[in-house]
Amino acid sequence: MMIADLTKAAQVMERLRALGVSFALDDFGVGYSSLVYLHRLPIDCIKIDRSFSDTILDSPRGRAIVRAIVGLADAMELRAVAEGVEDKTIAEALRRLNCRYGQGLYFGEPVPAGGLAAWLG
């Protein structure tokens, strides 16, 4: 979502954070995911767009971008989550780039909310 008033957004997010809510910046590196959001908003997690995860096996530039985003997250004490982890090869390549978290079919199929509640017991 685009945020028109970053100051007000940061205030609202801080109030929600006090209630235990955490925030992720989705699709980082594409579209409207801007560095200004990392600078001005109380973000807890950067979700690396799958377009970068998809390229790390074949593209030195893709690997460099993921390595840089993970390094930025580490320096800012944020979690970095790679989206689109579809197989073991990509998961292992991400681990070599120090990306400790991933999201994708390699870890499990999507589950509807009702199914998740049943799974959790």
Protein backbone atom coordinates (compact mmCIF):
# COMPACT_ATOMS: atom_id res chain seq x y z
CA MET A 1 0.00 0.00 0.00
CA MET A 2 1.25 3.48 -0.74
CA ILE A 3 1.45 5.71 2.31
CA ALA A 4 0.67 9.38 1.71
CA ASP A 5 1.49 10.67 5.20
CA LEU A 6 4.53 8.83 6.55
CA THR A 7 4.53 10.71 9.85
CA LYS A 8 0.93 9.75 10.63
CA ALA A 9 1.50 6.21 9.39
CA ALA A 10 4.51 5.85 11.69
CA GLN A 11 2.48 7.07 14.67
CA VAL A 12 -0.33 4.60 13.99
CA MET A 13 2.15 1.78 13.44
CA GLU A 14 3.93 2.57 16.72
CA ARG A 15 0.61 2.36 18.59
CA LEU A 16 -0.14 -0.98 16.95
CA ARG A 17 3.38 -2.19 17.69
CA ALA A 18 2.75 -1.44 21.39
CA LEU A 19 -0.13 -3.92 21.12
CA GLY A 20 2.19 -6.60 19.74
CA VAL A 21 1.71 -6.09 16.00
CA SER A 22 4.77 -6.41 13.79
CA PHE A 23 5.19 -5.07 10.25
CA ALA A 24 6.75 -6.45 7.09
CA LEU A 25 7.65 -4.50 3.98
CA ASP A 26 6.36 -6.81 1.23
CA ASP A 27 7.87 -7.27 -2.25
CA PHE A 28 11.01 -5.36 -1.28
CA GLY A 29 12.98 -4.16 -4.26
CA VAL A 30 10.08 -3.69 -6.66
CA GLY A 31 7.17 -1.30 -7.06
CA TYR A 32 6.51 0.99 -4.12
CA SER A 33 8.76 -0.71 -1.55
CA SER A 34 11.04 2.22 -0.95
CA LEU A 35 14.08 2.71 1.28
CA VAL A 36 12.27 5.71 2.76
CA TYR A 37 9.81 3.28 4.36
CA LEU A 38 12.68 1.49 6.09
CA HIS A 39 14.01 4.82 7.27
CA ARG A 40 10.76 6.37 8.51
CA LEU A 41 8.45 3.48 9.49
CA PRO A 42 8.77 0.91 12.28
CA ILE A 43 9.34 -2.06 9.97
CA ASP A 44 10.36 -5.41 11.50
CA CYS A 45 10.84 -7.50 8.39
CA ILE A 46 11.83 -7.10 4.75
CA LYS A 47 10.21 -9.59 2.37
CA ILE A 48 12.52 -10.01 -0.61
CA ASP A 49 10.48 -10.13 -3.79
CA ARG A 50 10.35 -13.52 -5.49
CA SER A 51 11.72 -12.03 -8.71
CA PHE A 52 15.10 -11.87 -6.94
CA SER A 53 14.84 -15.34 -5.35
CA ASP A 54 14.07 -16.77 -8.79
CA THR A 55 17.32 -15.42 -10.24
CA ILE A 56 19.91 -16.32 -7.61
CA LEU A 57 20.86 -19.62 -9.25
CA ASP A 58 21.55 -18.13 -12.68
CA SER A 59 22.34 -14.47 -12.18
CA PRO A 60 25.33 -12.93 -10.40
CA ARG A 61 23.33 -9.69 -10.24
CA GLY A 62 20.37 -11.47 -8.66
CA ARG A 63 22.67 -13.00 -6.02
CA ALA A 64 24.28 -9.61 -5.39
CA ILE A 65 20.89 -7.97 -4.90
CA VAL A 66 19.72 -10.64 -2.44
CA ARG A 67 23.05 -10.47 -0.58
CA ALA A 68 22.72 -6.67 -0.36
CA ILE A 69 19.12 -6.79 0.89
CA VAL A 70 20.01 -9.41 3.51
CA GLY A 71 23.01 -7.31 4.58
CA LEU A 72 20.82 -4.22 4.85
CA ALA A 73 18.29 -6.12 6.94
CA ASP A 74 21.02 -7.46 9.23
CA ALA A 75 22.56 -4.00 9.64
CA MET A 76 19.14 -2.59 10.58
CA GLU A 77 18.35 -5.55 12.89
CA LEU A 78 15.42 -6.61 10.71
CA ARG A 79 14.40 -10.05 9.48
CA ALA A 80 14.81 -10.74 5.78
CA VAL A 81 12.37 -13.27 4.31
CA ALA A 82 12.87 -14.51 0.75
CA GLU A 83 9.61 -15.02 -1.11
CA GLY A 84 9.15 -17.70 -3.75
CA VAL A 85 11.32 -20.46 -2.30
CA GLU A 86 10.01 -23.29 -4.44
CA ASP A 87 12.71 -25.96 -4.08
CA LYS A 88 15.67 -27.16 -2.03
CA THR A 89 18.23 -25.72 -4.45
CA ILE A 90 16.91 -22.18 -4.02
CA ALA A 91 16.60 -22.65 -0.23
CA GLU A 92 20.23 -23.76 0.00
CA ALA A 93 21.44 -20.90 -2.20
CA LEU A 94 19.58 -18.43 0.02
CA ARG A 95 21.18 -19.96 3.11
CA ARG A 96 24.61 -19.45 1.53
CA LEU A 97 23.66 -15.78 1.13
CA ASN A 98 22.85 -15.69 4.90
CA CYS A 99 19.11 -15.41 4.31
CA ARG A 100 17.71 -17.31 7.29
CA TYR A 101 13.99 -17.11 6.46
CA GLY A 102 12.02 -18.16 3.42
CA GLN A 103 8.47 -18.47 2.22
CA GLY A 104 7.24 -20.70 -0.57
CA LEU A 105 6.08 -24.09 -1.72
CA TYR A 106 9.32 -25.75 -0.60
CA PHE A 107 8.17 -25.24 2.98
CA GLY A 108 4.51 -26.13 2.43
CA GLU A 109 1.37 -25.62 0.43
CA PRO A 110 -0.88 -22.61 1.12
CA VAL A 111 -3.49 -23.38 3.79
CA PRO A 112 -6.88 -21.67 4.11
CA ALA A 113 -7.44 -19.87 7.43
CA GLY A 114 -9.85 -22.57 8.62
CA GLY A 115 -7.35 -25.29 7.78
CA LEU A 116 -4.60 -23.52 9.69
CA ALA A 117 -6.79 -23.22 12.77
CA ALA A 118 -7.50 -26.97 12.63
CA TRP A 119 -3.80 -27.73 12.12
CA LEU A 120 -2.84 -25.61 15.15
CA GLY A 121 -5.35 -27.53 17.25
